[in-house]
Protein backbone atom coordinates (compact mmCIF):
# COMPACT_ATOMS: atom_id res chain seq x y z
CA MET A 1 94.91 46.33 18.64
CA LYS A 2 93.59 42.99 19.85
CA ARG A 3 91.29 40.94 17.65
CA THR A 4 89.22 37.98 18.75
CA PHE A 5 88.41 35.44 16.03
CA LEU A 6 85.43 33.59 17.49
CA VAL A 7 84.28 30.43 15.73
CA LEU A 8 87.35 29.39 13.81
CA LEU A 9 85.40 27.18 11.47
CA LEU A 10 83.23 30.07 10.44
CA GLY A 11 79.73 29.03 11.23
CA GLY A 12 77.97 25.78 10.64
CA LEU A 13 80.55 24.45 8.20
CA LEU A 14 82.02 21.86 10.55
CA GLY A 15 78.60 20.60 11.51
CA ALA A 16 77.68 20.33 7.85
CA CYS A 17 80.56 17.94 7.14
CA ALA A 18 79.55 15.60 9.93
CA SER A 19 75.90 15.23 8.89
CA SER A 20 74.41 13.58 5.85
CA SER A 21 73.58 15.73 2.87
CA GLU A 22 69.97 14.62 3.09
CA ASP A 23 69.69 16.64 6.29
CA ASN A 24 70.32 19.90 4.43
CA ALA A 25 67.40 20.20 2.04
CA ASP A 26 66.64 23.88 2.63
CA ASN A 27 68.13 26.60 0.47
CA THR A 28 68.96 28.75 3.47
CA HIS A 29 70.98 27.80 6.52
CA ASP A 30 72.14 29.41 9.72
CA SER A 31 75.49 30.98 10.53
CA GLU A 32 77.10 33.51 8.24
CA PRO A 33 79.66 35.52 10.17
CA GLN A 34 79.37 39.28 10.46
CA LEU A 35 81.79 41.57 12.22
CA SER A 36 81.05 44.04 14.96
CA THR A 37 83.55 46.13 16.92
CA ASP A 38 83.34 46.78 20.64
CA SER A 39 85.58 49.26 22.44
CA ASP A 40 87.17 48.02 25.66
CA SER A 41 87.22 51.16 27.85
CA ASP A 42 89.46 49.55 30.47
CA THR A 43 92.27 48.58 28.13
CA GLY A 44 91.75 51.00 25.29
CA SER A 45 91.95 48.10 22.79
CA ASP A 46 89.47 47.25 20.03
CA ASN A 47 87.95 43.77 19.94
CA THR A 48 86.58 42.51 16.63
CA VAL A 49 83.94 39.90 17.31
CA VAL A 50 82.49 37.44 14.82
CA VAL A 51 78.73 37.05 15.13
CA TYR A 52 76.15 35.34 12.95
CA ASP A 53 73.33 36.11 10.59
CA THR A 54 71.29 33.58 8.61
CA ASP A 55 72.28 34.47 5.06
CA ILE A 56 73.54 31.21 3.56
CA SER A 57 71.90 30.47 0.26
CA THR A 58 72.04 28.31 -2.85
CA ASP A 59 69.97 30.78 -4.84
CA TRP A 60 72.98 31.38 -7.12
CA ASP A 61 72.49 27.87 -8.63
CA THR A 62 70.64 28.24 -11.92
CA TYR A 63 69.93 24.51 -12.34
CA PRO A 64 66.58 23.40 -10.88
CA PRO A 65 66.75 21.16 -7.80
CA LYS A 66 65.77 17.52 -8.17
CA GLY A 67 63.64 17.72 -5.05
CA ASP A 68 64.91 14.41 -3.66
CA GLY A 69 67.14 15.93 -0.98
CA LEU A 70 70.09 13.78 -2.07
CA ALA A 71 73.75 14.77 -2.44
CA LEU A 72 73.14 18.41 -1.53
CA THR A 73 76.80 18.42 -0.57
CA PRO A 74 79.42 16.32 -2.39
CA PRO A 75 79.10 12.63 -1.42
CA MET A 76 81.71 11.27 0.97
CA GLY A 77 82.64 7.62 1.29
CA TRP A 78 84.92 4.84 0.06
CA ASN A 79 85.20 2.77 -3.13
CA SER A 80 86.91 -0.57 -3.56
CA TRP A 81 88.52 -0.16 -6.99
CA ASN A 82 91.66 1.96 -6.50
CA ARG A 83 93.21 -0.37 -3.95
CA PHE A 84 91.56 -3.76 -4.40
CA LYS A 85 90.41 -3.95 -8.03
CA SER A 86 88.85 -7.42 -8.52
CA THR A 87 90.03 -8.93 -5.20
CA ILE A 88 86.97 -7.89 -3.21
CA ASN A 89 84.90 -10.14 -0.96
CA GLU A 90 82.24 -9.90 1.71
CA GLN A 91 84.60 -10.00 4.69
CA LEU A 92 86.81 -7.30 3.21
CA ILE A 93 83.84 -4.97 2.72
CA ARG A 94 82.68 -5.60 6.30
CA ASP A 95 86.19 -4.89 7.59
CA ILE A 96 86.35 -1.67 5.57
CA ALA A 97 83.00 -0.55 7.00
CA ASP A 98 84.21 -1.31 10.51
CA ALA A 99 87.38 0.68 9.85
CA MET A 100 85.40 3.65 8.57
CA VAL A 101 83.80 3.77 11.99
CA SER A 102 86.85 3.01 14.16
CA SER A 103 89.11 5.46 12.29
CA GLY A 104 86.70 8.34 12.92
CA MET A 105 85.89 8.76 9.22
CA ARG A 106 82.17 8.18 9.71
CA ASP A 107 82.06 10.85 12.40
CA VAL A 108 83.51 13.52 10.09
CA GLY A 109 81.07 12.83 7.26
CA TYR A 110 82.07 9.73 5.27
CA GLN A 111 79.02 7.53 4.80
CA TYR A 112 79.06 5.44 1.59
CA ILE A 113 80.76 2.03 1.32
CA ASN A 114 80.80 1.51 -2.46
CA ILE A 115 81.45 -1.92 -3.97
CA ASP A 116 82.95 -1.57 -7.46
CA ASP A 117 83.21 -4.05 -10.35
CA THR A 118 83.47 -7.87 -10.04
CA TRP A 119 81.01 -8.30 -7.17
CA MET A 120 78.68 -10.31 -9.38
CA ASN A 121 78.76 -14.00 -10.22
CA SER A 122 81.36 -14.80 -12.86
CA GLY A 123 80.86 -18.55 -13.18
CA GLU A 124 79.67 -20.51 -16.16
CA THR A 125 76.08 -19.41 -15.67
CA GLY A 126 76.98 -15.74 -15.93
CA ALA A 127 75.96 -12.87 -13.71
CA ARG A 128 72.18 -13.58 -13.79
CA ASP A 129 69.93 -16.37 -12.62
CA GLU A 130 67.22 -18.05 -14.71
CA ASN A 131 64.91 -15.09 -14.05
CA GLY A 132 67.45 -12.53 -15.16
CA VAL A 133 68.22 -11.32 -11.63
CA LEU A 134 71.80 -10.29 -10.91
CA MET A 135 73.63 -12.62 -8.52
CA ALA A 136 76.57 -11.89 -6.24
CA ASP A 137 79.55 -14.22 -6.53
CA PRO A 138 78.56 -17.06 -4.15
CA LEU A 139 82.13 -17.81 -3.06
CA ARG A 140 83.24 -14.25 -2.35
CA PHE A 141 79.86 -12.98 -1.11
CA PRO A 142 78.34 -16.11 0.45
CA ASN A 143 75.62 -14.26 2.37
CA GLY A 144 74.62 -12.06 -0.56
CA ILE A 145 74.52 -8.31 -0.99
CA LYS A 146 71.38 -7.74 1.10
CA ALA A 147 72.97 -9.20 4.22
CA LEU A 148 76.03 -7.06 3.61
CA ALA A 149 73.86 -3.96 3.14
CA ASP A 150 71.99 -4.73 6.35
CA TYR A 151 75.28 -4.95 8.25
CA ILE A 152 76.58 -1.70 6.81
CA HIS A 153 73.34 0.06 7.71
CA THR A 154 73.65 -1.10 11.34
CA LEU A 155 76.89 0.91 11.50
CA GLY A 156 75.11 4.10 10.49
CA LEU A 157 76.62 3.92 7.02
CA LYS A 158 75.22 3.50 3.50
CA ILE A 159 76.11 1.12 0.72
CA GLY A 160 76.79 1.66 -2.96
CA ILE A 161 77.10 -0.81 -5.80
CA TYR A 162 78.43 -0.84 -9.36
CA GLY A 163 76.69 -1.40 -12.67
CA ASP A 164 77.12 -0.64 -16.35
CA ARG A 165 74.92 0.70 -19.13
CA GLY A 166 76.14 -1.93 -21.59
CA THR A 167 75.80 -5.69 -21.90
CA ALA A 168 78.70 -6.35 -19.53
CA THR A 169 80.72 -4.37 -17.02
CA CYS A 170 84.29 -3.30 -17.69
CA SER A 171 85.49 -6.66 -16.31
CA ASN A 172 83.57 -8.38 -19.14
CA ILE A 173 81.56 -10.70 -16.91
CA PRO A 174 78.81 -12.18 -19.13
CA GLU A 175 75.37 -10.56 -18.71
CA SER A 176 76.65 -8.27 -15.95
CA GLY A 177 75.58 -5.08 -17.73
CA SER A 178 72.14 -3.57 -17.20
CA TYR A 179 71.17 -2.84 -20.81
CA GLY A 180 67.65 -4.19 -21.24
CA TYR A 181 67.45 -5.02 -17.54
CA GLU A 182 67.30 -1.51 -16.11
CA THR A 183 63.93 -1.81 -14.35
CA LEU A 184 64.71 -5.26 -12.97
CA ASP A 185 68.17 -4.22 -11.76
CA ALA A 186 66.88 -1.03 -10.12
CA GLN A 187 64.24 -3.08 -8.30
CA THR A 188 66.86 -5.66 -7.31
CA PHE A 189 69.19 -2.99 -5.93
CA ALA A 190 66.31 -1.38 -4.06
CA GLY A 191 65.32 -4.73 -2.56
CA TRP A 192 68.86 -5.25 -1.36
CA GLY A 193 68.88 -1.84 0.36
CA ILE A 194 71.39 -0.16 -1.94
CA ASP A 195 71.75 3.61 -1.52
CA TYR A 196 74.16 4.58 -4.34
CA LEU A 197 74.78 3.32 -7.87
CA LYS A 198 77.96 3.93 -9.85
CA TYR A 199 77.04 3.28 -13.49
CA ASP A 200 79.88 2.66 -15.96
CA ASN A 201 80.19 2.98 -19.72
CA CYS A 202 81.74 -0.26 -21.01
CA ASN A 203 80.47 -2.69 -23.65
CA PRO A 204 77.53 -0.73 -25.08
CA ALA A 205 74.94 -2.86 -26.82
CA ASP A 206 75.07 -3.22 -30.59
CA GLY A 207 74.28 0.09 -32.24
CA ARG A 208 74.52 2.01 -28.91
CA ASP A 209 77.87 3.74 -29.49
CA SER A 210 76.50 7.19 -30.28
CA ALA A 211 76.25 10.12 -27.87
CA ILE A 212 72.46 10.02 -28.20
CA ALA A 213 72.36 6.32 -27.26
CA LEU A 214 74.69 6.94 -24.31
CA GLN A 215 72.38 9.66 -23.00
CA ASP A 216 69.35 7.45 -23.47
CA ASP A 217 70.93 4.52 -21.64
CA TYR A 218 71.80 6.65 -18.62
CA GLU A 219 68.40 8.34 -18.57
CA VAL A 220 66.62 4.97 -18.71
CA MET A 221 68.46 3.80 -15.61
CA SER A 222 67.89 7.16 -13.91
CA ALA A 223 64.14 6.78 -14.43
CA ALA A 224 64.24 3.17 -13.24
CA LEU A 225 65.98 4.18 -10.01
CA ARG A 226 63.44 6.94 -9.35
CA ALA A 227 60.59 4.48 -9.93
CA SER A 228 62.09 1.84 -7.62
CA GLY A 229 60.65 3.35 -4.47
CA ARG A 230 64.06 3.78 -2.84
CA PRO A 231 66.26 6.90 -2.91
CA PHE A 232 69.49 6.39 -4.85
CA VAL A 233 72.46 8.67 -5.35
CA PHE A 234 73.21 8.08 -9.06
CA SER A 235 76.83 8.41 -10.19
CA LEU A 236 77.27 8.59 -13.97
CA CYS A 237 80.64 7.11 -14.94
CA ALA A 238 80.75 8.03 -18.63
CA TRP A 239 84.42 9.10 -18.34
CA SER A 240 83.85 12.75 -19.26
CA TRP A 241 81.29 15.55 -19.35
CA GLN A 242 78.65 14.63 -21.94
CA GLY A 243 76.21 17.54 -21.71
CA GLU A 244 73.72 19.25 -19.44
CA TRP A 245 71.39 16.24 -19.51
CA MET A 246 73.73 14.71 -16.93
CA ILE A 247 72.62 17.30 -14.35
CA SER A 248 69.03 16.08 -14.40
CA ALA A 249 69.89 12.40 -14.84
CA GLY A 250 72.38 12.02 -12.00
CA HIS A 251 73.76 13.51 -8.80
CA LEU A 252 77.39 13.35 -9.92
CA TRP A 253 79.26 12.44 -13.08
CA ARG A 254 82.81 11.62 -13.92
CA SER A 255 84.25 14.77 -15.44
CA THR A 256 87.57 13.11 -16.31
CA GLY A 257 89.16 9.83 -17.28
CA ASP A 258 90.34 7.36 -14.65
CA ILE A 259 92.74 8.54 -11.97
CA SER A 260 96.06 6.96 -11.05
CA ASP A 261 98.22 7.20 -7.93
CA CYS A 262 100.68 9.26 -9.96
CA TRP A 263 101.44 12.98 -9.74
CA SER A 264 101.54 13.69 -13.49
CA ASN A 265 101.22 11.95 -16.82
CA GLU A 266 104.75 13.19 -17.50
CA ASP A 267 106.15 11.18 -14.56
CA ASP A 268 107.53 7.67 -14.97
CA CYS A 269 104.80 5.86 -13.04
CA TYR A 270 105.20 2.26 -14.15
CA TRP A 271 101.91 1.30 -12.46
CA ARG A 272 99.81 3.82 -14.41
CA LYS A 273 97.70 2.24 -17.15
CA SER A 274 97.53 3.94 -20.54
CA TRP A 275 93.97 5.17 -19.94
CA GLU A 276 94.71 6.51 -16.46
CA ASN A 277 95.70 10.06 -15.56
CA GLY A 278 97.94 11.74 -13.03
CA ILE A 279 96.48 13.92 -10.32
CA VAL A 280 97.49 17.27 -11.84
CA ASP A 281 96.12 16.20 -15.24
CA ILE A 282 92.80 15.32 -13.60
CA ILE A 283 92.80 18.71 -11.87
CA ASP A 284 93.32 20.56 -15.14
CA THR A 285 90.37 18.79 -16.77
CA ASN A 286 87.99 19.20 -13.85
CA ALA A 287 88.90 22.86 -13.33
CA ASP A 288 87.02 23.86 -16.47
CA MET A 289 83.81 22.11 -15.36
CA TRP A 290 82.96 24.55 -12.53
CA PRO A 291 79.80 26.04 -14.14
CA TYR A 292 78.00 22.70 -13.86
CA ALA A 293 78.56 21.98 -10.16
CA GLY A 294 76.14 22.77 -7.35
CA PRO A 295 73.92 21.17 -4.70
CA GLY A 296 72.66 17.84 -6.01
CA HIS A 297 74.87 17.90 -9.13
CA TRP A 298 78.64 17.53 -8.82
CA ASN A 299 81.65 17.18 -11.07
CA ASP A 300 83.48 14.01 -10.07
CA PRO A 301 87.23 14.02 -10.84
CA ASP A 302 87.37 10.39 -9.68
CA MET A 303 88.19 8.74 -6.38
CA LEU A 304 90.87 9.82 -3.94
CA GLU A 305 94.30 8.20 -4.08
CA VAL A 306 95.26 9.37 -0.58
CA GLY A 307 97.06 6.55 1.22
CA VAL A 308 97.22 4.16 -1.74
CA GLY A 309 100.97 4.35 -1.42
CA HIS A 310 102.96 5.70 -4.37
CA LEU A 311 102.97 9.42 -3.51
CA SER A 312 104.25 11.47 -0.58
CA ASN A 313 102.07 12.85 2.19
CA THR A 314 102.80 16.34 0.85
CA GLU A 315 101.34 15.30 -2.50
CA TYR A 316 98.37 13.58 -0.88
CA THR A 317 97.69 16.72 1.16
CA ALA A 318 97.68 18.76 -2.06
CA HIS A 319 95.41 16.18 -3.73
CA PHE A 320 92.88 16.29 -0.88
CA SER A 321 92.99 20.11 -0.68
CA ILE A 322 92.30 20.65 -4.37
CA TRP A 323 89.46 18.11 -4.33
CA ALA A 324 87.96 20.01 -1.39
CA ILE A 325 88.24 23.43 -3.00
CA MET A 326 86.73 22.01 -6.23
CA ALA A 327 83.71 20.75 -4.23
CA ALA A 328 84.50 17.25 -5.47
CA PRO A 329 83.07 14.06 -3.98
CA LEU A 330 85.46 12.74 -1.33
CA ILE A 331 85.47 9.01 -2.07
CA ALA A 332 88.51 7.38 -0.47
CA GLY A 333 90.18 4.57 -2.39
CA ASN A 334 92.79 3.22 0.03
CA ASP A 335 92.80 0.28 2.44
CA LEU A 336 90.98 1.71 5.45
CA THR A 337 92.01 -1.27 7.57
CA ASN A 338 95.70 -0.43 7.22
CA MET A 339 96.19 3.34 7.49
CA ASP A 340 99.06 5.17 9.14
CA GLN A 341 98.30 8.23 11.22
CA ALA A 342 99.34 10.63 8.48
CA THR A 343 96.73 9.16 6.11
CA ILE A 344 94.04 9.32 8.79
CA ASP A 345 94.97 12.93 9.53
CA ILE A 346 94.60 13.90 5.88
CA LEU A 347 91.30 12.10 5.32
CA THR A 348 89.74 13.38 8.57
CA ASN A 349 90.84 17.03 8.57
CA THR A 350 87.51 18.56 9.52
CA GLU A 351 88.49 22.09 8.51
CA VAL A 352 89.33 21.02 4.95
CA ILE A 353 86.29 18.73 4.76
CA ALA A 354 84.15 21.70 5.83
CA VAL A 355 85.33 23.59 2.75
CA ASP A 356 84.32 20.70 0.50
CA GLN A 357 80.96 20.35 2.27
CA ASP A 358 80.10 24.06 2.35
CA PRO A 359 76.31 24.17 1.89
CA ALA A 360 76.42 26.82 -0.85
CA GLY A 361 78.02 24.20 -3.08
CA ILE A 362 80.21 26.50 -5.18
CA GLN A 363 83.11 24.85 -7.02
CA GLY A 364 86.34 26.76 -6.47
CA THR A 365 88.41 28.01 -9.37
CA ARG A 366 91.89 29.21 -10.20
CA VAL A 367 92.10 32.94 -9.72
CA ALA A 368 95.79 33.36 -10.56
CA ASP A 369 98.10 31.60 -13.05
CA TRP A 370 95.26 29.72 -14.79
CA GLY A 371 97.41 26.60 -15.20
CA VAL A 372 100.12 28.24 -17.32
CA GLY A 373 102.93 28.00 -14.76
CA ASP A 374 103.75 26.03 -11.64
CA HIS A 375 102.35 28.43 -9.01
CA GLU A 376 98.58 28.75 -8.68
CA VAL A 377 96.03 30.43 -6.43
CA TRP A 378 92.61 28.83 -6.05
CA MET A 379 89.58 30.37 -4.33
CA LYS A 380 86.19 29.00 -3.28
CA PRO A 381 83.53 31.37 -1.92
CA LEU A 382 81.91 30.01 1.22
CA HIS A 383 78.20 30.31 2.06
CA LYS A 384 77.45 32.62 -0.90
CA PRO A 385 79.26 33.92 -3.98
CA ASP A 386 79.78 37.47 -2.73
CA GLY A 387 80.17 36.82 1.00
CA PRO A 388 83.14 37.72 3.23
CA MET A 389 84.42 34.14 3.64
CA LYS A 390 86.80 32.48 1.20
CA ALA A 391 88.78 29.25 1.14
CA VAL A 392 92.10 29.76 -0.62
CA VAL A 393 94.74 27.29 -1.77
CA LEU A 394 98.26 28.26 -2.78
CA PHE A 395 99.30 25.36 -5.02
CA ASN A 396 102.89 24.64 -6.06
CA ARG A 397 103.02 22.17 -8.94
CA GLY A 398 106.75 22.73 -9.35
CA GLU A 399 109.80 20.80 -8.23
CA GLU A 400 111.11 23.33 -5.71
CA ALA A 401 109.58 25.16 -2.75
CA ALA A 402 108.40 28.65 -3.65
CA ASP A 403 106.76 31.74 -2.18
CA ILE A 404 103.26 32.17 -3.63
CA THR A 405 101.16 35.30 -3.15
CA ALA A 406 97.39 35.58 -3.16
CA ASN A 407 96.44 39.14 -4.06
CA PHE A 408 93.21 40.15 -2.38
CA SER A 409 92.05 41.89 -5.55
CA ASP A 410 91.87 38.38 -7.10
CA LEU A 411 89.84 37.11 -4.15
CA ASP A 412 87.19 39.83 -3.99
CA ILE A 413 88.57 40.98 -0.63
CA THR A 414 88.64 44.74 -0.37
CA GLY A 415 91.45 45.36 2.08
CA THR A 416 92.11 43.35 5.25
CA ALA A 417 91.32 39.71 6.03
CA MET A 418 91.70 37.40 8.98
CA VAL A 419 93.56 34.27 7.87
CA ARG A 420 93.57 30.75 9.32
CA ASP A 421 95.78 27.85 8.17
CA LEU A 422 93.55 24.79 7.71
CA TRP A 423 96.36 22.21 7.86
CA LYS A 424 98.28 23.72 10.76
CA HIS A 425 94.99 24.58 12.50
CA GLU A 426 96.42 27.98 13.38
CA ASP A 427 95.18 31.56 13.18
CA LEU A 428 97.81 33.48 11.24
CA GLY A 429 96.50 36.98 11.97
CA ASP A 430 95.28 39.89 9.85
CA PHE A 431 96.69 40.60 6.40
CA THR A 432 96.14 43.61 4.14
CA ASP A 433 96.02 43.52 0.33
CA SER A 434 97.75 40.14 -0.01
CA PHE A 435 98.87 36.96 1.70
CA THR A 436 102.17 35.18 0.93
CA ALA A 437 103.38 31.78 2.11
CA THR A 438 106.20 29.39 1.30
CA VAL A 439 104.72 26.33 -0.37
CA PRO A 440 106.63 23.03 -0.67
CA ALA A 441 107.16 21.35 -4.02
CA HIS A 442 104.03 19.46 -5.09
CA GLY A 443 102.35 20.96 -2.04
CA VAL A 444 99.80 23.45 -0.84
CA VAL A 445 99.08 26.02 1.80
CA MET A 446 95.33 26.07 2.43
CA VAL A 447 93.73 28.89 4.38
CA LYS A 448 90.36 30.35 5.20
CA MET A 449 89.96 34.12 4.95
CA VAL A 450 87.35 36.48 6.32
CA ASP A 451 87.14 39.95 4.82
CA ILE A 452 87.03 42.43 7.75
CA SER A 453 87.51 45.58 5.69
CA GLU A 454 84.02 46.93 6.18
């Protein structure tokens, strides 16, 4: 029997990852594959053909939409902190933006260039001028943030900036926090042309240490951004899930502590700070947050470490795959101006990005092992919760290669599925009842399955 698997990327998924999330404001989209069988009278063979219907929906999401059309798929971009910390400057940010274009990252969906902490003036006068307006460091950003934003926008990209709900940012620059300045800072950011605000949780004002005060501080800035007259993606960096108020206040929130370029907290990673977490530890925390994710409201397990340099490409491939199946924001944190081909290949794998950017916005979950052992199976429904398409990751956290089996009964597949390897870019054929692959240590096999049983 001959089978023809038309449209290997299963509908509009690839197109979705290469367009901005603001372009996908409807709850229904085209291209859900169906299967029809034609009989070839000349050869006597059966041809299974994938065709389309229009049943892609976000109706499963019980949280009301914000109505702003922002972050309807997980944001994609770059952030300065993981690689550069406080050594940022205007020319570096321009070079990074240029590299996002020349590397092909922009063309597969990355769009935000996010400037993290220490962009503001740190001299004797503090971060604000005599009118209370935030100032960029005049030596490192001599042309100011607006000129930088204008340049980034000419490249077809967007710009993000960093702030804090307290009196100072985490770098303790005097008056750099937004507490008491929320309206002014939101208006300043809007005037500069900022598109995205990451809002941290350091140095709360006196008496503002409680959970109620934290919520209030974030909601005040959320309201100020909405009133600014400019659309902002609002990233709440409160270091963990704080409650359902975050869903209405922001578009994404840090569901975990800070990430490190380290596989596990149990590893001897001398560069990992005491408050930072290994990749598998971040995964285990974010895995439990799946009920809160959906279009316009995402769990953020922190920025990508792909290409930062301490881990292997096998580990970075696993890192990227699990972020994609968890519908996590894909915010690169490496030096985009100095990437080897392996790093580019990981960050620009359109088939894996398409899983992350699936318009239904469902966060994938473990369906086997549940984090008890080293061998896990993860599944993310594509296009709708009960549809025929699934993204599946076989994840080996262990120290030796192992065969891992995905039983179709765990995947809501009734019998036979067509399987495609998303890293090898190969169709693997039809499988019945289960799929088994050899997975390297600290690695993954990531596939897309289409149930063809009916």
